[in-house]
Amino acid sequence: MEYMNRIINNIFSNIQLTMRYSYIFQFAKTVSSLNQPANTHHRPFLFSS
């Protein structure tokens, strides 16, 4: 039972980390799209430099 609790806690902490990183990534994408001219916003950020 202790072992199962540890696994569940591990999974939940991984999910929290993933969500945090996806929020950061989403924010970075939003900022980078705001910094670009309107006609290039559909292209990937890496190729628009």
PDB file of N, CA and C in Angstrom:
ATOM      1  N   MET A   1       0.828  -1.210   0.000  1.00  0.00           N
ATOM      2  CA  MET A   1       0.000   0.000   0.000  1.00  0.00           C
ATOM      3  C   MET A   1       0.866   1.266   0.000  1.00  0.00           C
ATOM      4  N   GLU A   2       1.868   1.244   0.839  1.00  0.00           N
ATOM      5  CA  GLU A   2       2.833   2.362   0.857  1.00  0.00           C
ATOM      6  C   GLU A   2       3.449   2.580  -0.524  1.00  0.00           C
ATOM      7  N   TYR A   3       3.766   1.453  -1.175  1.00  0.00           N
ATOM      8  CA  TYR A   3       4.383   1.518  -2.499  1.00  0.00           C
ATOM      9  C   TYR A   3       3.448   2.175  -3.514  1.00  0.00           C
ATOM     10  N   MET A   4       2.171   1.793  -3.460  1.00  0.00           N
ATOM     11  CA  MET A   4       1.191   2.382  -4.374  1.00  0.00           C
ATOM     12  C   MET A   4       1.055   3.886  -4.152  1.00  0.00           C
ATOM     13  N   ASN A   5       1.047   4.297  -2.890  1.00  0.00           N
ATOM     14  CA  ASN A   5       0.953   5.725  -2.593  1.00  0.00           C
ATOM     15  C   ASN A   5       2.134   6.479  -3.174  1.00  0.00           C
ATOM     16  N   ARG A   6       3.312   5.878  -3.086  1.00  0.00           N
ATOM     17  CA  ARG A   6       4.501   6.543  -3.622  1.00  0.00           C
ATOM     18  C   ARG A   6       4.391   6.688  -5.137  1.00  0.00           C
ATOM     19  N   ILE A   7       3.909   5.649  -5.803  1.00  0.00           N
ATOM     20  CA  ILE A   7       3.753   5.709  -7.264  1.00  0.00           C
ATOM     21  C   ILE A   7       2.745   6.794  -7.642  1.00  0.00           C
ATOM     22  N   ILE A   8       1.629   6.847  -6.920  1.00  0.00           N
ATOM     23  CA  ILE A   8       0.593   7.836  -7.230  1.00  0.00           C
ATOM     24  C   ILE A   8       1.122   9.249  -7.006  1.00  0.00           C
ATOM     25  N   ASN A   9       1.852   9.444  -5.921  1.00  0.00           N
ATOM     26  CA  ASN A   9       2.437  10.758  -5.663  1.00  0.00           C
ATOM     27  C   ASN A   9       3.417  11.140  -6.763  1.00  0.00           C
ATOM     28  N   ASN A  10       4.195  10.180  -7.215  1.00  0.00           N
ATOM     29  CA  ASN A  10       5.155  10.405  -8.287  1.00  0.00           C
ATOM     30  C   ASN A  10       4.440  10.863  -9.555  1.00  0.00           C
ATOM     31  N   ILE A  11       3.373  10.163  -9.900  1.00  0.00           N
ATOM     32  CA  ILE A  11       2.618  10.498 -11.109  1.00  0.00           C
ATOM     33  C   ILE A  11       2.046  11.906 -11.001  1.00  0.00           C
ATOM     34  N   PHE A  12       1.486  12.236  -9.826  1.00  0.00           N
ATOM     35  CA  PHE A  12       0.883  13.556  -9.676  1.00  0.00           C
ATOM     36  C   PHE A  12       1.919  14.669  -9.761  1.00  0.00           C
ATOM     37  N   SER A  13       3.092  14.440  -9.174  1.00  0.00           N
ATOM     38  CA  SER A  13       4.118  15.482  -9.246  1.00  0.00           C
ATOM     39  C   SER A  13       4.617  15.632 -10.679  1.00  0.00           C
ATOM     40  N   ASN A  14       4.690  14.529 -11.424  1.00  0.00           N
ATOM     41  CA  ASN A  14       5.073  14.618 -12.835  1.00  0.00           C
ATOM     42  C   ASN A  14       4.047  15.401 -13.632  1.00  0.00           C
ATOM     43  N   ILE A  15       2.768  15.171 -13.351  1.00  0.00           N
ATOM     44  CA  ILE A  15       1.712  15.888 -14.059  1.00  0.00           C
ATOM     45  C   ILE A  15       1.797  17.381 -13.757  1.00  0.00           C
ATOM     46  N   GLN A  16       2.056  17.734 -12.501  1.00  0.00           N
ATOM     47  CA  GLN A  16       2.171  19.145 -12.145  1.00  0.00           C
ATOM     48  C   GLN A  16       3.341  19.793 -12.865  1.00  0.00           C
ATOM     49  N   LEU A  17       4.470  19.100 -12.936  1.00  0.00           N
ATOM     50  CA  LEU A  17       5.630  19.629 -13.653  1.00  0.00           C
ATOM     51  C   LEU A  17       5.302  19.837 -15.124  1.00  0.00           C
ATOM     52  N   THR A  18       4.661  18.854 -15.731  1.00  0.00           N
ATOM     53  CA  THR A  18       4.322  18.947 -17.149  1.00  0.00           C
ATOM     54  C   THR A  18       3.387  20.121 -17.412  1.00  0.00           C
ATOM     55  N   MET A  19       2.399  20.299 -16.538  1.00  0.00           N
ATOM     56  CA  MET A  19       1.463  21.406 -16.721  1.00  0.00           C
ATOM     57  C   MET A  19       2.175  22.745 -16.577  1.00  0.00           C
ATOM     58  N   ARG A  20       3.097  22.818 -15.612  1.00  0.00           N
ATOM     59  CA  ARG A  20       3.816  24.072 -15.411  1.00  0.00           C
ATOM     60  C   ARG A  20       4.641  24.403 -16.645  1.00  0.00           C
ATOM     61  N   TYR A  21       5.338  23.397 -17.187  1.00  0.00           N
ATOM     62  CA  TYR A  21       6.152  23.648 -18.371  1.00  0.00           C
ATOM     63  C   TYR A  21       5.298  23.984 -19.586  1.00  0.00           C
ATOM     64  N   SER A  22       4.128  23.377 -19.695  1.00  0.00           N
ATOM     65  CA  SER A  22       3.278  23.689 -20.847  1.00  0.00           C
ATOM     66  C   SER A  22       2.724  25.108 -20.741  1.00  0.00           C
ATOM     67  N   TYR A  23       2.438  25.554 -19.504  1.00  0.00           N
ATOM     68  CA  TYR A  23       2.019  26.955 -19.337  1.00  0.00           C
ATOM     69  C   TYR A  23       3.127  27.906 -19.767  1.00  0.00           C
ATOM     70  N   ILE A  24       4.364  27.611 -19.342  1.00  0.00           N
ATOM     71  CA  ILE A  24       5.504  28.463 -19.707  1.00  0.00           C
ATOM     72  C   ILE A  24       5.695  28.476 -21.218  1.00  0.00           C
ATOM     73  N   PHE A  25       5.578  27.285 -21.828  1.00  0.00           N
ATOM     74  CA  PHE A  25       5.755  27.184 -23.270  1.00  0.00           C
ATOM     75  C   PHE A  25       4.671  27.961 -24.012  1.00  0.00           C
ATOM     76  N   GLN A  26       3.422  27.852 -23.519  1.00  0.00           N
ATOM     77  CA  GLN A  26       2.314  28.572 -24.135  1.00  0.00           C
ATOM     78  C   GLN A  26       2.531  30.077 -24.033  1.00  0.00           C
ATOM     79  N   PHE A  27       3.011  30.516 -22.868  1.00  0.00           N
ATOM     80  CA  PHE A  27       3.284  31.939 -22.655  1.00  0.00           C
ATOM     81  C   PHE A  27       4.389  32.421 -23.594  1.00  0.00           C
ATOM     82  N   ALA A  28       5.433  31.609 -23.746  1.00  0.00           N
ATOM     83  CA  ALA A  28       6.533  31.989 -24.628  1.00  0.00           C
ATOM     84  C   ALA A  28       6.058  32.068 -26.080  1.00  0.00           C
ATOM     85  N   LYS A  29       5.192  31.141 -26.475  1.00  0.00           N
ATOM     86  CA  LYS A  29       4.671  31.184 -27.838  1.00  0.00           C
ATOM     87  C   LYS A  29       3.829  32.433 -28.065  1.00  0.00           C
ATOM     88  N   THR A  30       3.033  32.784 -27.059  1.00  0.00           N
ATOM     89  CA  THR A  30       2.200  33.975 -27.173  1.00  0.00           C
ATOM     90  C   THR A  30       3.061  35.220 -27.316  1.00  0.00           C
ATOM     91  N   VAL A  31       4.078  35.327 -26.478  1.00  0.00           N
ATOM     92  CA  VAL A  31       4.965  36.493 -26.523  1.00  0.00           C
ATOM     93  C   VAL A  31       5.678  36.566 -27.865  1.00  0.00           C
ATOM     94  N   SER A  32       6.176  35.423 -28.350  1.00  0.00           N
ATOM     95  CA  SER A  32       6.919  35.446 -29.607  1.00  0.00           C
ATOM     96  C   SER A  32       5.996  35.794 -30.774  1.00  0.00           C
ATOM     97  N   SER A  33       4.739  35.374 -30.689  1.00  0.00           N
ATOM     98  CA  SER A  33       3.820  35.715 -31.776  1.00  0.00           C
ATOM     99  C   SER A  33       3.446  37.193 -31.722  1.00  0.00           C
ATOM    100  N   LEU A  34       3.417  37.765 -30.511  1.00  0.00           N
ATOM    101  CA  LEU A  34       3.132  39.194 -30.403  1.00  0.00           C
ATOM    102  C   LEU A  34       4.284  40.033 -30.934  1.00  0.00           C
ATOM    103  N   ASN A  35       5.494  39.497 -30.857  1.00  0.00           N
ATOM    104  CA  ASN A  35       6.671  40.247 -31.286  1.00  0.00           C
ATOM    105  C   ASN A  35       6.879  40.206 -32.792  1.00  0.00           C
ATOM    106  N   GLN A  36       6.091  39.424 -33.512  1.00  0.00           N
ATOM    107  CA  GLN A  36       6.290  39.279 -34.946  1.00  0.00           C
ATOM    108  C   GLN A  36       5.285  40.127 -35.719  1.00  0.00           C
ATOM    109  N   PRO A  37       5.615  40.479 -36.947  1.00  0.00           N
ATOM    110  CA  PRO A  37       4.642  41.131 -37.826  1.00  0.00           C
ATOM    111  C   PRO A  37       3.449  40.203 -38.069  1.00  0.00           C
ATOM    112  N   ALA A  38       2.315  40.777 -38.399  1.00  0.00           N
ATOM    113  CA  ALA A  38       1.087  39.993 -38.507  1.00  0.00           C
ATOM    114  C   ALA A  38       1.158  38.946 -39.614  1.00  0.00           C
ATOM    115  N   ASN A  39       1.917  39.218 -40.664  1.00  0.00           N
ATOM    116  CA  ASN A  39       1.912  38.295 -41.798  1.00  0.00           C
ATOM    117  C   ASN A  39       2.812  37.078 -41.581  1.00  0.00           C
ATOM    118  N   THR A  40       3.574  37.050 -40.477  1.00  0.00           N
ATOM    119  CA  THR A  40       4.435  35.896 -40.245  1.00  0.00           C
ATOM    120  C   THR A  40       4.027  35.124 -39.000  1.00  0.00           C
ATOM    121  N   HIS A  41       2.889  35.472 -38.396  1.00  0.00           N
ATOM    122  CA  HIS A  41       2.553  34.851 -37.114  1.00  0.00           C
ATOM    123  C   HIS A  41       2.196  33.371 -37.259  1.00  0.00           C
ATOM    124  N   HIS A  42       1.869  32.918 -38.467  1.00  0.00           N
ATOM    125  CA  HIS A  42       1.502  31.518 -38.639  1.00  0.00           C
ATOM    126  C   HIS A  42       2.737  30.624 -38.806  1.00  0.00           C
ATOM    127  N   ARG A  43       3.896  31.245 -39.052  1.00  0.00           N
ATOM    128  CA  ARG A  43       5.106  30.437 -39.226  1.00  0.00           C
ATOM    129  C   ARG A  43       5.718  30.117 -37.870  1.00  0.00           C
ATOM    130  N   PRO A  44       6.471  29.016 -37.777  1.00  0.00           N
ATOM    131  CA  PRO A  44       7.156  28.692 -36.519  1.00  0.00           C
ATOM    132  C   PRO A  44       8.129  29.799 -36.124  1.00  0.00           C
ATOM    133  N   PHE A  45       8.290  29.982 -34.826  1.00  0.00           N
ATOM    134  CA  PHE A  45       9.122  31.064 -34.308  1.00  0.00           C
ATOM    135  C   PHE A  45      10.574  30.929 -34.761  1.00  0.00           C
ATOM    136  N   LEU A  46      11.062  29.691 -34.863  1.00  0.00           N
ATOM    137  CA  LEU A  46      12.469  29.475 -35.189  1.00  0.00           C
ATOM    138  C   LEU A  46      12.806  29.938 -36.606  1.00  0.00           C
ATOM    139  N   PHE A  47      11.826  29.836 -37.496  1.00  0.00           N
ATOM    140  CA  PHE A  47      12.120  30.139 -38.893  1.00  0.00           C
ATOM    141  C   PHE A  47      11.810  31.582 -39.265  1.00  0.00           C
ATOM    142  N   SER A  48      11.346  32.372 -38.316  1.00  0.00           N
ATOM    143  CA  SER A  48      10.916  33.720 -38.665  1.00  0.00           C
ATOM    144  C   SER A  48      11.979  34.764 -38.342  1.00  0.00           C
ATOM    145  N   SER A  49      13.181  34.328 -38.039  1.00  0.00           N
ATOM    146  CA  SER A  49      14.238  35.278 -37.708  1.00  0.00           C
ATOM    147  C   SER A  49      14.992  35.655 -38.977  1.00  0.00           C
TER     148      SER A  49
END
